[in-house]
Amino acid sequence: MAELRSWNERYEKGETPWDTGQPSSELQRVVTEAAIARCQAIELGCGTGANAVWLAEQGFDVTAIDVSPLAISRAEKRAAGAGAHVRFLVADVLKPPTALTGMFDFFFDRGCYHVVRRDDPTAYAATLSRLTRPGTPGLVLAGNAREPHDPGPPVVSEEQIRTELGSQFEIVRLREFRFDQVEGVGVRFLGWSCLLRRRES
């Protein structure tokens, strides 16, 4: 699978400008401000696991998936070192294991949506619906087309977010924020912080 090899190679070479090694400050802020209840949670595109481990440390029952086996291996080591229990799985975000269907009451995505939507934006929303229960909240962090950078994260417009995610999810709040700075990168990229809630029907 070419995509898997590509992501693994990036981790092998250290070409991971999205990986700060720390939990997202925006995730921490939103979990607190929105009073997200401790529950079964899933992180999509978890990378080396900093956010999944943080969620587990806050009392969430966490499953985290990524297409890269190398990233998952590093995430497992991170969790073991922190004494945190996270269920890590190697899986394609657009084709998650059927055993995960309807399991989750919170989802988190830092930078996965803005990558996979380029191939199939409708499949991403369908994945979220398949994994969650009606009323489930979730947080998606994505690059912001109002301030594109090259190099930088893929970007998406407000209209695209509302069109692609709004059919199956209520957009509770959409605000601009800046991604945490990565060591060696002098820019904090502009992003979208999108708090969603799965529609009841």
C-alpha atoms as a PDB file:
ATOM      1  CA  MET A   1       0.000   0.000   0.000  1.00  0.00           C
ATOM      2  CA  ALA A   2       1.746   3.142  -1.268  1.00  0.00           C
ATOM      3  CA  GLU A   3       0.125   5.505   1.255  1.00  0.00           C
ATOM      4  CA  LEU A   4       1.235   3.374   4.206  1.00  0.00           C
ATOM      5  CA  ARG A   5       4.811   3.256   2.905  1.00  0.00           C
ATOM      6  CA  SER A   6       4.773   7.012   2.396  1.00  0.00           C
ATOM      7  CA  TRP A   7       3.699   7.766   5.971  1.00  0.00           C
ATOM      8  CA  ASN A   8       6.091   5.205   7.425  1.00  0.00           C
ATOM      9  CA  GLU A   9       8.959   6.717   5.447  1.00  0.00           C
ATOM     10  CA  ARG A  10       8.163  10.150   6.808  1.00  0.00           C
ATOM     11  CA  TYR A  11       8.327   8.862  10.369  1.00  0.00           C
ATOM     12  CA  GLU A  12      11.555   6.987   9.600  1.00  0.00           C
ATOM     13  CA  LYS A  13      13.157  10.141   8.181  1.00  0.00           C
ATOM     14  CA  GLY A  14      11.791  12.450  10.855  1.00  0.00           C
ATOM     15  CA  GLU A  15       9.769  14.390   8.285  1.00  0.00           C
ATOM     16  CA  THR A  16       6.875  14.988  10.672  1.00  0.00           C
ATOM     17  CA  PRO A  17       6.346  18.763  10.971  1.00  0.00           C
ATOM     18  CA  TRP A  18       2.922  18.158  12.530  1.00  0.00           C
ATOM     19  CA  ASP A  19       4.367  16.280  15.518  1.00  0.00           C
ATOM     20  CA  THR A  20       5.105  18.580  18.453  1.00  0.00           C
ATOM     21  CA  GLY A  21       5.537  15.670  20.859  1.00  0.00           C
ATOM     22  CA  GLN A  22       3.045  17.389  23.183  1.00  0.00           C
ATOM     23  CA  PRO A  23      -0.744  17.227  23.503  1.00  0.00           C
ATOM     24  CA  SER A  24      -2.582  19.904  21.558  1.00  0.00           C
ATOM     25  CA  SER A  25      -3.244  23.004  23.634  1.00  0.00           C
ATOM     26  CA  GLU A  26      -6.464  23.522  21.643  1.00  0.00           C
ATOM     27  CA  LEU A  27      -7.669  20.023  22.543  1.00  0.00           C
ATOM     28  CA  GLN A  28      -6.965  20.734  26.200  1.00  0.00           C
ATOM     29  CA  ARG A  29      -8.784  24.062  26.038  1.00  0.00           C
ATOM     30  CA  VAL A  30     -11.879  22.680  24.311  1.00  0.00           C
ATOM     31  CA  VAL A  31     -12.202  19.604  26.551  1.00  0.00           C
ATOM     32  CA  THR A  32     -12.228  21.950  29.531  1.00  0.00           C
ATOM     33  CA  GLU A  33     -14.377  24.769  28.121  1.00  0.00           C
ATOM     34  CA  ALA A  34     -16.958  22.489  26.509  1.00  0.00           C
ATOM     35  CA  ALA A  35     -17.014  20.254  29.605  1.00  0.00           C
ATOM     36  CA  ILE A  36     -16.571  17.093  27.532  1.00  0.00           C
ATOM     37  CA  ALA A  37     -17.598  14.204  29.774  1.00  0.00           C
ATOM     38  CA  ARG A  38     -15.147  11.322  30.274  1.00  0.00           C
ATOM     39  CA  CYS A  39     -16.275   8.564  27.966  1.00  0.00           C
ATOM     40  CA  GLN A  40     -15.173   6.213  25.199  1.00  0.00           C
ATOM     41  CA  ALA A  41     -13.138   8.388  22.831  1.00  0.00           C
ATOM     42  CA  ILE A  42     -11.364   7.859  19.534  1.00  0.00           C
ATOM     43  CA  GLU A  43      -8.524   9.804  17.961  1.00  0.00           C
ATOM     44  CA  LEU A  44      -8.220   9.603  14.185  1.00  0.00           C
ATOM     45  CA  GLY A  45      -4.702   9.875  12.779  1.00  0.00           C
ATOM     46  CA  CYS A  46      -3.077   9.706  16.213  1.00  0.00           C
ATOM     47  CA  GLY A  47       0.562   9.761  15.069  1.00  0.00           C
ATOM     48  CA  THR A  48       2.924   9.121  17.964  1.00  0.00           C
ATOM     49  CA  GLY A  49       0.129   9.345  20.514  1.00  0.00           C
ATOM     50  CA  ALA A  50       0.645  12.536  22.526  1.00  0.00           C
ATOM     51  CA  ASN A  51      -3.036  13.512  22.362  1.00  0.00           C
ATOM     52  CA  ALA A  52      -4.345   9.985  22.942  1.00  0.00           C
ATOM     53  CA  VAL A  53      -2.141   9.607  26.018  1.00  0.00           C
ATOM     54  CA  TRP A  54      -3.291  12.974  27.369  1.00  0.00           C
ATOM     55  CA  LEU A  55      -6.945  12.003  26.929  1.00  0.00           C
ATOM     56  CA  ALA A  56      -6.318   8.709  28.738  1.00  0.00           C
ATOM     57  CA  GLU A  57      -4.634  10.594  31.582  1.00  0.00           C
ATOM     58  CA  GLN A  58      -7.786  12.720  31.918  1.00  0.00           C
ATOM     59  CA  GLY A  59      -9.924   9.614  32.394  1.00  0.00           C
ATOM     60  CA  PHE A  60     -11.128   8.901  28.857  1.00  0.00           C
ATOM     61  CA  ASP A  61     -11.283   5.314  27.587  1.00  0.00           C
ATOM     62  CA  VAL A  62      -9.234   5.895  24.431  1.00  0.00           C
ATOM     63  CA  THR A  63      -8.878   4.093  21.119  1.00  0.00           C
ATOM     64  CA  ALA A  64      -6.474   5.688  18.645  1.00  0.00           C
ATOM     65  CA  ILE A  65      -5.851   4.775  15.025  1.00  0.00           C
ATOM     66  CA  ASP A  66      -3.220   5.627  12.436  1.00  0.00           C
ATOM     67  CA  VAL A  67      -2.276   4.168   9.059  1.00  0.00           C
ATOM     68  CA  SER A  68       1.435   4.073   9.948  1.00  0.00           C
ATOM     69  CA  PRO A  69       2.641   1.018  11.915  1.00  0.00           C
ATOM     70  CA  LEU A  70       5.781   2.934  12.890  1.00  0.00           C
ATOM     71  CA  ALA A  71       3.752   5.784  14.352  1.00  0.00           C
ATOM     72  CA  ILE A  72       1.610   3.303  16.285  1.00  0.00           C
ATOM     73  CA  SER A  73       4.710   1.547  17.631  1.00  0.00           C
ATOM     74  CA  ARG A  74       6.046   4.864  18.909  1.00  0.00           C
ATOM     75  CA  ALA A  75       2.652   5.742  20.354  1.00  0.00           C
ATOM     76  CA  GLU A  76       2.543   2.467  22.273  1.00  0.00           C
ATOM     77  CA  LYS A  77       5.968   3.222  23.754  1.00  0.00           C
ATOM     78  CA  ARG A  78       4.813   6.703  24.735  1.00  0.00           C
ATOM     79  CA  ALA A  79       1.755   5.311  26.494  1.00  0.00           C
ATOM     80  CA  ALA A  80       3.783   2.636  28.286  1.00  0.00           C
ATOM     81  CA  GLY A  81       6.257   5.263  29.468  1.00  0.00           C
ATOM     82  CA  ALA A  82       3.423   7.412  30.806  1.00  0.00           C
ATOM     83  CA  GLY A  83       1.625   4.482  32.430  1.00  0.00           C
ATOM     84  CA  ALA A  84      -1.457   5.266  30.338  1.00  0.00           C
ATOM     85  CA  HIS A  85      -3.799   2.687  28.832  1.00  0.00           C
ATOM     86  CA  VAL A  86      -4.684   3.397  25.187  1.00  0.00           C
ATOM     87  CA  ARG A  87      -5.894   0.920  22.579  1.00  0.00           C
ATOM     88  CA  PHE A  88      -3.761   1.699  19.512  1.00  0.00           C
ATOM     89  CA  LEU A  89      -4.712   0.219  16.132  1.00  0.00           C
ATOM     90  CA  VAL A  90      -3.110   0.364  12.697  1.00  0.00           C
ATOM     91  CA  ALA A  91      -6.044   1.319  10.488  1.00  0.00           C
ATOM     92  CA  ASP A  92      -7.103   3.515   7.594  1.00  0.00           C
ATOM     93  CA  VAL A  93      -9.259   6.394   8.851  1.00  0.00           C
ATOM     94  CA  LEU A  94     -11.609   5.953   5.897  1.00  0.00           C
ATOM     95  CA  LYS A  95     -11.878   2.191   6.448  1.00  0.00           C
ATOM     96  CA  PRO A  96     -11.865   1.639  10.213  1.00  0.00           C
ATOM     97  CA  PRO A  97     -12.460  -1.855  11.633  1.00  0.00           C
ATOM     98  CA  THR A  98     -16.148  -2.752  11.694  1.00  0.00           C
ATOM     99  CA  ALA A  99     -15.767  -3.740  15.345  1.00  0.00           C
ATOM    100  CA  LEU A 100     -15.469  -0.026  16.186  1.00  0.00           C
ATOM    101  CA  THR A 101     -18.874   0.868  14.742  1.00  0.00           C
ATOM    102  CA  GLY A 102     -20.999   2.954  17.088  1.00  0.00           C
ATOM    103  CA  MET A 103     -18.585   2.678  20.005  1.00  0.00           C
ATOM    104  CA  PHE A 104     -17.597   6.269  20.706  1.00  0.00           C
ATOM    105  CA  ASP A 105     -18.991   9.255  22.577  1.00  0.00           C
ATOM    106  CA  PHE A 106     -16.197  11.704  21.662  1.00  0.00           C
ATOM    107  CA  PHE A 107     -13.822  11.966  18.717  1.00  0.00           C
ATOM    108  CA  PHE A 108     -10.710  14.022  18.082  1.00  0.00           C
ATOM    109  CA  ASP A 109      -8.783  14.757  14.906  1.00  0.00           C
ATOM    110  CA  ARG A 110      -5.743  16.995  14.698  1.00  0.00           C
ATOM    111  CA  GLY A 111      -4.820  17.298  11.049  1.00  0.00           C
ATOM    112  CA  CYS A 112      -6.265  14.107   9.579  1.00  0.00           C
ATOM    113  CA  TYR A 113      -9.426  15.515   7.978  1.00  0.00           C
ATOM    114  CA  HIS A 114      -7.564  18.132   5.962  1.00  0.00           C
ATOM    115  CA  VAL A 115      -5.421  15.361   4.415  1.00  0.00           C
ATOM    116  CA  VAL A 116      -7.974  12.636   3.657  1.00  0.00           C
ATOM    117  CA  ARG A 117     -10.659  15.041   2.392  1.00  0.00           C
ATOM    118  CA  ARG A 118      -8.563  15.692  -0.704  1.00  0.00           C
ATOM    119  CA  ASP A 119      -9.393  12.157  -1.873  1.00  0.00           C
ATOM    120  CA  ASP A 120     -12.911  11.701  -0.539  1.00  0.00           C
ATOM    121  CA  PRO A 121     -14.478  14.345   1.756  1.00  0.00           C
ATOM    122  CA  THR A 122     -17.825  12.561   1.975  1.00  0.00           C
ATOM    123  CA  ALA A 123     -16.179   9.322   3.136  1.00  0.00           C
ATOM    124  CA  TYR A 124     -14.609  11.123   6.094  1.00  0.00           C
ATOM    125  CA  ALA A 125     -17.961  12.353   7.444  1.00  0.00           C
ATOM    126  CA  ALA A 126     -19.406   8.894   6.871  1.00  0.00           C
ATOM    127  CA  THR A 127     -16.556   7.395   8.918  1.00  0.00           C
ATOM    128  CA  LEU A 128     -17.293   9.745  11.818  1.00  0.00           C
ATOM    129  CA  SER A 129     -20.978   8.827  11.709  1.00  0.00           C
ATOM    130  CA  ARG A 130     -20.186   5.122  11.608  1.00  0.00           C
ATOM    131  CA  LEU A 131     -17.881   5.317  14.630  1.00  0.00           C
ATOM    132  CA  THR A 132     -20.118   7.429  16.858  1.00  0.00           C
ATOM    133  CA  ARG A 133     -23.532   7.485  18.463  1.00  0.00           C
ATOM    134  CA  PRO A 134     -26.179  10.180  17.865  1.00  0.00           C
ATOM    135  CA  GLY A 135     -25.358  13.304  19.869  1.00  0.00           C
ATOM    136  CA  THR A 136     -21.634  12.528  20.043  1.00  0.00           C
ATOM    137  CA  PRO A 137     -19.406  15.637  20.188  1.00  0.00           C
ATOM    138  CA  GLY A 138     -16.062  15.850  18.493  1.00  0.00           C
ATOM    139  CA  LEU A 139     -13.228  18.255  17.753  1.00  0.00           C
ATOM    140  CA  VAL A 140     -11.559  18.577  14.353  1.00  0.00           C
ATOM    141  CA  LEU A 141      -8.470  20.771  13.900  1.00  0.00           C
ATOM    142  CA  ALA A 142      -7.612  21.624  10.297  1.00  0.00           C
ATOM    143  CA  GLY A 143      -5.439  23.985   8.287  1.00  0.00           C
ATOM    144  CA  ASN A 144      -7.065  27.298   7.405  1.00  0.00           C
ATOM    145  CA  ALA A 145      -7.284  28.447   3.763  1.00  0.00           C
ATOM    146  CA  ARG A 146      -7.311  32.095   4.866  1.00  0.00           C
ATOM    147  CA  GLU A 147      -3.601  31.840   5.591  1.00  0.00           C
ATOM    148  CA  PRO A 148      -1.979  29.107   3.483  1.00  0.00           C
ATOM    149  CA  HIS A 149       1.738  28.379   3.844  1.00  0.00           C
ATOM    150  CA  ASP A 150       4.077  26.351   1.684  1.00  0.00           C
ATOM    151  CA  PRO A 151       5.335  24.290   3.357  1.00  0.00           C
ATOM    152  CA  GLY A 152       2.538  24.032   5.838  1.00  0.00           C
ATOM    153  CA  PRO A 153      -0.560  21.963   6.585  1.00  0.00           C
ATOM    154  CA  PRO A 154      -3.155  21.301   3.893  1.00  0.00           C
ATOM    155  CA  VAL A 155      -5.866  23.930   4.139  1.00  0.00           C
ATOM    156  CA  VAL A 156      -9.636  24.003   3.970  1.00  0.00           C
ATOM    157  CA  SER A 157     -12.110  26.872   3.751  1.00  0.00           C
ATOM    158  CA  GLU A 158     -14.975  27.612   6.119  1.00  0.00           C
ATOM    159  CA  GLU A 159     -17.435  26.867   3.302  1.00  0.00           C
ATOM    160  CA  GLN A 160     -15.828  23.468   2.657  1.00  0.00           C
ATOM    161  CA  ILE A 161     -16.018  22.530   6.332  1.00  0.00           C
ATOM    162  CA  ARG A 162     -19.679  23.502   6.561  1.00  0.00           C
ATOM    163  CA  THR A 163     -20.514  21.653   3.340  1.00  0.00           C
ATOM    164  CA  GLU A 164     -18.485  18.495   3.973  1.00  0.00           C
ATOM    165  CA  LEU A 165     -19.181  18.012   7.669  1.00  0.00           C
ATOM    166  CA  GLY A 166     -22.416  19.918   8.185  1.00  0.00           C
ATOM    167  CA  SER A 167     -24.715  17.396   6.556  1.00  0.00           C
ATOM    168  CA  GLN A 168     -24.233  14.791   9.287  1.00  0.00           C
ATOM    169  CA  PHE A 169     -22.936  16.957  12.115  1.00  0.00           C
ATOM    170  CA  GLU A 170     -24.106  20.142  13.754  1.00  0.00           C
ATOM    171  CA  ILE A 171     -21.267  22.660  13.759  1.00  0.00           C
ATOM    172  CA  VAL A 172     -21.462  23.835  17.354  1.00  0.00           C
ATOM    173  CA  ARG A 173     -18.565  26.256  17.069  1.00  0.00           C
ATOM    174  CA  LEU A 174     -16.067  27.105  14.343  1.00  0.00           C
ATOM    175  CA  ARG A 175     -13.221  29.386  15.325  1.00  0.00           C
ATOM    176  CA  GLU A 176      -9.752  30.239  14.151  1.00  0.00           C
ATOM    177  CA  PHE A 177      -6.751  29.289  16.254  1.00  0.00           C
ATOM    178  CA  ARG A 178      -3.033  28.687  15.786  1.00  0.00           C
ATOM    179  CA  PHE A 179      -1.462  25.256  15.874  1.00  0.00           C
ATOM    180  CA  ASP A 180       1.192  24.712  18.521  1.00  0.00           C
ATOM    181  CA  GLN A 181       4.675  25.485  17.295  1.00  0.00           C
ATOM    182  CA  VAL A 182       6.883  22.596  16.230  1.00  0.00           C
ATOM    183  CA  GLU A 183      10.544  22.697  17.213  1.00  0.00           C
ATOM    184  CA  GLY A 184      12.598  24.127  14.365  1.00  0.00           C
ATOM    185  CA  VAL A 185       9.575  25.666  12.615  1.00  0.00           C
ATOM    186  CA  GLY A 186       9.218  29.402  13.123  1.00  0.00           C
ATOM    187  CA  VAL A 187       5.525  29.634  12.239  1.00  0.00           C
ATOM    188  CA  ARG A 188       2.413  28.819  14.220  1.00  0.00           C
ATOM    189  CA  PHE A 189       0.073  27.947  11.370  1.00  0.00           C
ATOM    190  CA  LEU A 190      -3.468  29.293  11.297  1.00  0.00           C
ATOM    191  CA  GLY A 191      -6.095  26.607  11.697  1.00  0.00           C
ATOM    192  CA  TRP A 192      -9.773  25.909  12.200  1.00  0.00           C
ATOM    193  CA  SER A 193     -11.032  24.566  15.502  1.00  0.00           C
ATOM    194  CA  CYS A 194     -14.342  22.895  14.711  1.00  0.00           C
ATOM    195  CA  LEU A 195     -16.485  21.591  17.544  1.00  0.00           C
ATOM    196  CA  LEU A 196     -19.082  19.212  16.116  1.00  0.00           C
ATOM    197  CA  ARG A 197     -22.024  17.226  17.398  1.00  0.00           C
ATOM    198  CA  ARG A 198     -23.507  14.288  15.514  1.00  0.00           C
ATOM    199  CA  ARG A 199     -27.075  14.942  14.527  1.00  0.00           C
ATOM    200  CA  GLU A 200     -29.706  12.852  16.297  1.00  0.00           C
ATOM    201  CA  SER A 201     -31.206  11.628  13.041  1.00  0.00           C
END
